[in-house]
Amino acid sequence: MVENAPEAIGIVDLTTGLFTDPNENAVKLYGLPPEELVKVGPADMSPASQPDGRNSVEKAMEKINAAMQGETQVFEWMHRNARGEEIPCEIRLARLPGSLPRVRFTATDISERKKVQQTLQESEARYSAVVNQASDG
């Protein structure tokens, strides 16, 4: 089920801060082979700060701590692949049962969604400008 999922799925081991058990889509998303992907973690595959200006490590720890308290986390996140290209993602975190501190993550590339949103915003701005110009004339 995990291997055939459309999103990147894996586990973050909170004792090491590293990814474990990544599926094939995680390998594709991050651009690293499985044996290399398990040597890095979310902090390594994120820019220093997120689009909102917050420090990526601080914000990630906030989300992970909430997940460890049993609160499923769903949020947008900027990741970087092995080539350094930024990838906007929707992230879901959930605590895994057991005595080990681990969270399951899913990461969905939302690049296309972001492009559509940007196009829509630009279109709405042009429409508003035309309407305002027409009402001023």
C-alpha atoms as a PDB file:
ATOM      1  CA  MET A   1       0.000   0.000   0.000  1.00  0.00           C
ATOM      2  CA  VAL A   2       2.782   2.426   0.905  1.00  0.00           C
ATOM      3  CA  GLU A   3       4.821   1.646  -2.214  1.00  0.00           C
ATOM      4  CA  ASN A   4       1.835   2.299  -4.488  1.00  0.00           C
ATOM      5  CA  ALA A   5       0.741   5.508  -2.778  1.00  0.00           C
ATOM      6  CA  PRO A   6       0.909   8.646  -4.956  1.00  0.00           C
ATOM      7  CA  GLU A   7       2.683  10.665  -2.272  1.00  0.00           C
ATOM      8  CA  ALA A   8       6.108  10.407  -0.665  1.00  0.00           C
ATOM      9  CA  ILE A   9       5.800   8.416   2.554  1.00  0.00           C
ATOM     10  CA  GLY A  10       8.294   7.544   5.230  1.00  0.00           C
ATOM     11  CA  ILE A  11       9.144   7.777   8.880  1.00  0.00           C
ATOM     12  CA  VAL A  12      11.192  10.345  10.758  1.00  0.00           C
ATOM     13  CA  ASP A  13      13.118   8.766  13.636  1.00  0.00           C
ATOM     14  CA  LEU A  14      13.172  11.526  16.242  1.00  0.00           C
ATOM     15  CA  THR A  15      16.143  10.039  18.085  1.00  0.00           C
ATOM     16  CA  THR A  16      18.331  10.573  14.998  1.00  0.00           C
ATOM     17  CA  GLY A  17      16.343  13.169  13.044  1.00  0.00           C
ATOM     18  CA  LEU A  18      16.698  10.966   9.945  1.00  0.00           C
ATOM     19  CA  PHE A  19      14.271   9.489   7.452  1.00  0.00           C
ATOM     20  CA  THR A  20      13.623   5.749   7.619  1.00  0.00           C
ATOM     21  CA  ASP A  21      11.562   3.448   5.413  1.00  0.00           C
ATOM     22  CA  PRO A  22      11.073   5.871   2.494  1.00  0.00           C
ATOM     23  CA  ASN A  23       8.824   4.701  -0.337  1.00  0.00           C
ATOM     24  CA  GLU A  24       9.734   5.063  -4.023  1.00  0.00           C
ATOM     25  CA  ASN A  25       7.921   8.406  -4.283  1.00  0.00           C
ATOM     26  CA  ALA A  26      10.063   9.784  -1.444  1.00  0.00           C
ATOM     27  CA  VAL A  27      13.125   8.706  -3.418  1.00  0.00           C
ATOM     28  CA  LYS A  28      11.752  10.529  -6.482  1.00  0.00           C
ATOM     29  CA  LEU A  29      10.704  13.662  -4.563  1.00  0.00           C
ATOM     30  CA  TYR A  30      14.061  14.169  -2.862  1.00  0.00           C
ATOM     31  CA  GLY A  31      16.155  12.876  -5.764  1.00  0.00           C
ATOM     32  CA  LEU A  32      18.254  10.578  -3.614  1.00  0.00           C
ATOM     33  CA  PRO A  33      18.609   6.786  -3.761  1.00  0.00           C
ATOM     34  CA  PRO A  34      17.128   4.962  -0.728  1.00  0.00           C
ATOM     35  CA  GLU A  35      20.546   4.252   0.806  1.00  0.00           C
ATOM     36  CA  GLU A  36      21.337   8.005   0.734  1.00  0.00           C
ATOM     37  CA  LEU A  37      17.886   9.219   1.731  1.00  0.00           C
ATOM     38  CA  VAL A  38      18.111   7.379   5.069  1.00  0.00           C
ATOM     39  CA  LYS A  39      21.277   9.387   5.857  1.00  0.00           C
ATOM     40  CA  VAL A  40      19.366  12.699   5.848  1.00  0.00           C
ATOM     41  CA  GLY A  41      16.280  14.098   7.493  1.00  0.00           C
ATOM     42  CA  PRO A  42      13.717  16.843   6.944  1.00  0.00           C
ATOM     43  CA  ALA A  43      16.124  19.536   8.158  1.00  0.00           C
ATOM     44  CA  ASP A  44      18.685  18.522   5.529  1.00  0.00           C
ATOM     45  CA  MET A  45      16.082  18.631   2.764  1.00  0.00           C
ATOM     46  CA  SER A  46      14.615  22.031   3.671  1.00  0.00           C
ATOM     47  CA  PRO A  47      15.825  25.602   3.061  1.00  0.00           C
ATOM     48  CA  ALA A  48      17.026  27.566   6.102  1.00  0.00           C
ATOM     49  CA  SER A  49      13.664  29.331   6.325  1.00  0.00           C
ATOM     50  CA  GLN A  50      10.159  28.720   5.087  1.00  0.00           C
ATOM     51  CA  PRO A  51       8.207  31.146   2.816  1.00  0.00           C
ATOM     52  CA  ASP A  52       6.629  32.726   5.917  1.00  0.00           C
ATOM     53  CA  GLY A  53      10.135  33.700   7.094  1.00  0.00           C
ATOM     54  CA  ARG A  54      10.249  31.237   9.983  1.00  0.00           C
ATOM     55  CA  ASN A  55      13.339  29.138  10.626  1.00  0.00           C
ATOM     56  CA  SER A  56      12.721  25.698   9.103  1.00  0.00           C
ATOM     57  CA  VAL A  57      14.197  23.720  12.016  1.00  0.00           C
ATOM     58  CA  GLU A  58      12.197  25.634  14.642  1.00  0.00           C
ATOM     59  CA  LYS A  59       8.968  25.358  12.663  1.00  0.00           C
ATOM     60  CA  ALA A  60       9.555  21.648  11.963  1.00  0.00           C
ATOM     61  CA  MET A  61      10.133  20.940  15.662  1.00  0.00           C
ATOM     62  CA  GLU A  62       6.894  22.748  16.517  1.00  0.00           C
ATOM     63  CA  LYS A  63       4.963  20.586  14.044  1.00  0.00           C
ATOM     64  CA  ILE A  64       6.707  17.373  15.109  1.00  0.00           C
ATOM     65  CA  ASN A  65       6.116  18.089  18.815  1.00  0.00           C
ATOM     66  CA  ALA A  66       2.410  18.644  18.116  1.00  0.00           C
ATOM     67  CA  ALA A  67       2.299  15.358  16.186  1.00  0.00           C
ATOM     68  CA  MET A  68       3.978  13.585  19.098  1.00  0.00           C
ATOM     69  CA  GLN A  69       1.202  14.944  21.342  1.00  0.00           C
ATOM     70  CA  GLY A  70      -1.267  13.095  19.143  1.00  0.00           C
ATOM     71  CA  GLU A  71      -2.337  16.018  16.954  1.00  0.00           C
ATOM     72  CA  THR A  72      -2.236  15.106  13.265  1.00  0.00           C
ATOM     73  CA  GLN A  73      -0.458  17.921  11.468  1.00  0.00           C
ATOM     74  CA  VAL A  74      -1.299  19.045   7.904  1.00  0.00           C
ATOM     75  CA  PHE A  75       0.598  22.036   6.550  1.00  0.00           C
ATOM     76  CA  GLU A  76       2.462  23.464   3.574  1.00  0.00           C
ATOM     77  CA  TRP A  77       6.237  23.141   3.566  1.00  0.00           C
ATOM     78  CA  MET A  78       9.056  24.046   1.241  1.00  0.00           C
ATOM     79  CA  HIS A  79      11.439  21.139   0.693  1.00  0.00           C
ATOM     80  CA  ARG A  80      14.572  20.953  -1.451  1.00  0.00           C
ATOM     81  CA  ASN A  81      15.605  18.049  -3.590  1.00  0.00           C
ATOM     82  CA  ALA A  82      19.184  16.799  -4.016  1.00  0.00           C
ATOM     83  CA  ARG A  83      19.745  19.370  -6.806  1.00  0.00           C
ATOM     84  CA  GLY A  84      18.758  22.221  -4.473  1.00  0.00           C
ATOM     85  CA  GLU A  85      15.472  22.909  -6.275  1.00  0.00           C
ATOM     86  CA  GLU A  86      12.681  24.055  -3.977  1.00  0.00           C
ATOM     87  CA  ILE A  87       9.500  21.970  -4.005  1.00  0.00           C
ATOM     88  CA  PRO A  88       6.326  23.243  -2.348  1.00  0.00           C
ATOM     89  CA  CYS A  89       4.713  20.335  -0.517  1.00  0.00           C
ATOM     90  CA  GLU A  90       1.722  19.512   1.603  1.00  0.00           C
ATOM     91  CA  ILE A  91       2.965  17.606   4.644  1.00  0.00           C
ATOM     92  CA  ARG A  92       1.030  15.331   6.961  1.00  0.00           C
ATOM     93  CA  LEU A  93       2.578  14.119  10.214  1.00  0.00           C
ATOM     94  CA  ALA A  94       1.185  11.522  12.568  1.00  0.00           C
ATOM     95  CA  ARG A  95       2.737   9.922  15.619  1.00  0.00           C
ATOM     96  CA  LEU A  96       3.477   6.232  15.278  1.00  0.00           C
ATOM     97  CA  PRO A  97       2.463   3.947  18.135  1.00  0.00           C
ATOM     98  CA  GLY A  98       5.111   2.292  20.262  1.00  0.00           C
ATOM     99  CA  SER A  99       7.873   3.294  22.596  1.00  0.00           C
ATOM    100  CA  LEU A 100      10.158   4.784  19.924  1.00  0.00           C
ATOM    101  CA  PRO A 101       9.692   8.493  19.143  1.00  0.00           C
ATOM    102  CA  ARG A 102       8.738   8.350  15.462  1.00  0.00           C
ATOM    103  CA  VAL A 103       6.353  10.161  13.155  1.00  0.00           C
ATOM    104  CA  ARG A 104       5.006   9.026   9.808  1.00  0.00           C
ATOM    105  CA  PHE A 105       5.154  11.667   7.126  1.00  0.00           C
ATOM    106  CA  THR A 106       3.532  12.057   3.771  1.00  0.00           C
ATOM    107  CA  ALA A 107       4.721  14.739   1.390  1.00  0.00           C
ATOM    108  CA  THR A 108       2.736  15.704  -1.691  1.00  0.00           C
ATOM    109  CA  ASP A 109       4.311  17.923  -4.332  1.00  0.00           C
ATOM    110  CA  ILE A 110       1.879  20.830  -4.758  1.00  0.00           C
ATOM    111  CA  SER A 111       3.862  22.723  -7.422  1.00  0.00           C
ATOM    112  CA  GLU A 112       0.997  22.521  -9.918  1.00  0.00           C
ATOM    113  CA  ARG A 113      -1.548  23.662  -7.314  1.00  0.00           C
ATOM    114  CA  LYS A 114       0.657  26.661  -6.514  1.00  0.00           C
ATOM    115  CA  LYS A 115       0.964  27.573 -10.222  1.00  0.00           C
ATOM    116  CA  VAL A 116      -2.821  27.443 -10.643  1.00  0.00           C
ATOM    117  CA  GLN A 117      -3.318  29.588  -7.518  1.00  0.00           C
ATOM    118  CA  GLN A 118      -0.795  32.143  -8.816  1.00  0.00           C
ATOM    119  CA  THR A 119      -2.475  32.265 -12.239  1.00  0.00           C
ATOM    120  CA  LEU A 120      -5.882  32.714 -10.603  1.00  0.00           C
ATOM    121  CA  GLN A 121      -4.599  35.535  -8.380  1.00  0.00           C
ATOM    122  CA  GLU A 122      -3.043  37.295 -11.370  1.00  0.00           C
ATOM    123  CA  SER A 123      -6.273  36.899 -13.352  1.00  0.00           C
ATOM    124  CA  GLU A 124      -8.346  38.290 -10.468  1.00  0.00           C
ATOM    125  CA  ALA A 125      -5.959  41.253 -10.153  1.00  0.00           C
ATOM    126  CA  ARG A 126      -6.270  42.010 -13.894  1.00  0.00           C
ATOM    127  CA  TYR A 127     -10.067  41.716 -13.690  1.00  0.00           C
ATOM    128  CA  SER A 128     -10.203  44.069 -10.695  1.00  0.00           C
ATOM    129  CA  ALA A 129      -7.989  46.570 -12.507  1.00  0.00           C
ATOM    130  CA  VAL A 130     -10.285  46.503 -15.566  1.00  0.00           C
ATOM    131  CA  VAL A 131     -13.422  46.863 -13.437  1.00  0.00           C
ATOM    132  CA  ASN A 132     -11.877  49.745 -11.467  1.00  0.00           C
ATOM    133  CA  GLN A 133     -10.728  51.445 -14.646  1.00  0.00           C
ATOM    134  CA  ALA A 134     -14.192  51.093 -16.191  1.00  0.00           C
ATOM    135  CA  SER A 135     -15.899  52.511 -13.084  1.00  0.00           C
ATOM    136  CA  ASP A 136     -13.451  55.448 -12.997  1.00  0.00           C
ATOM    137  CA  GLY A 137     -14.110  56.255 -16.672  1.00  0.00           C
END
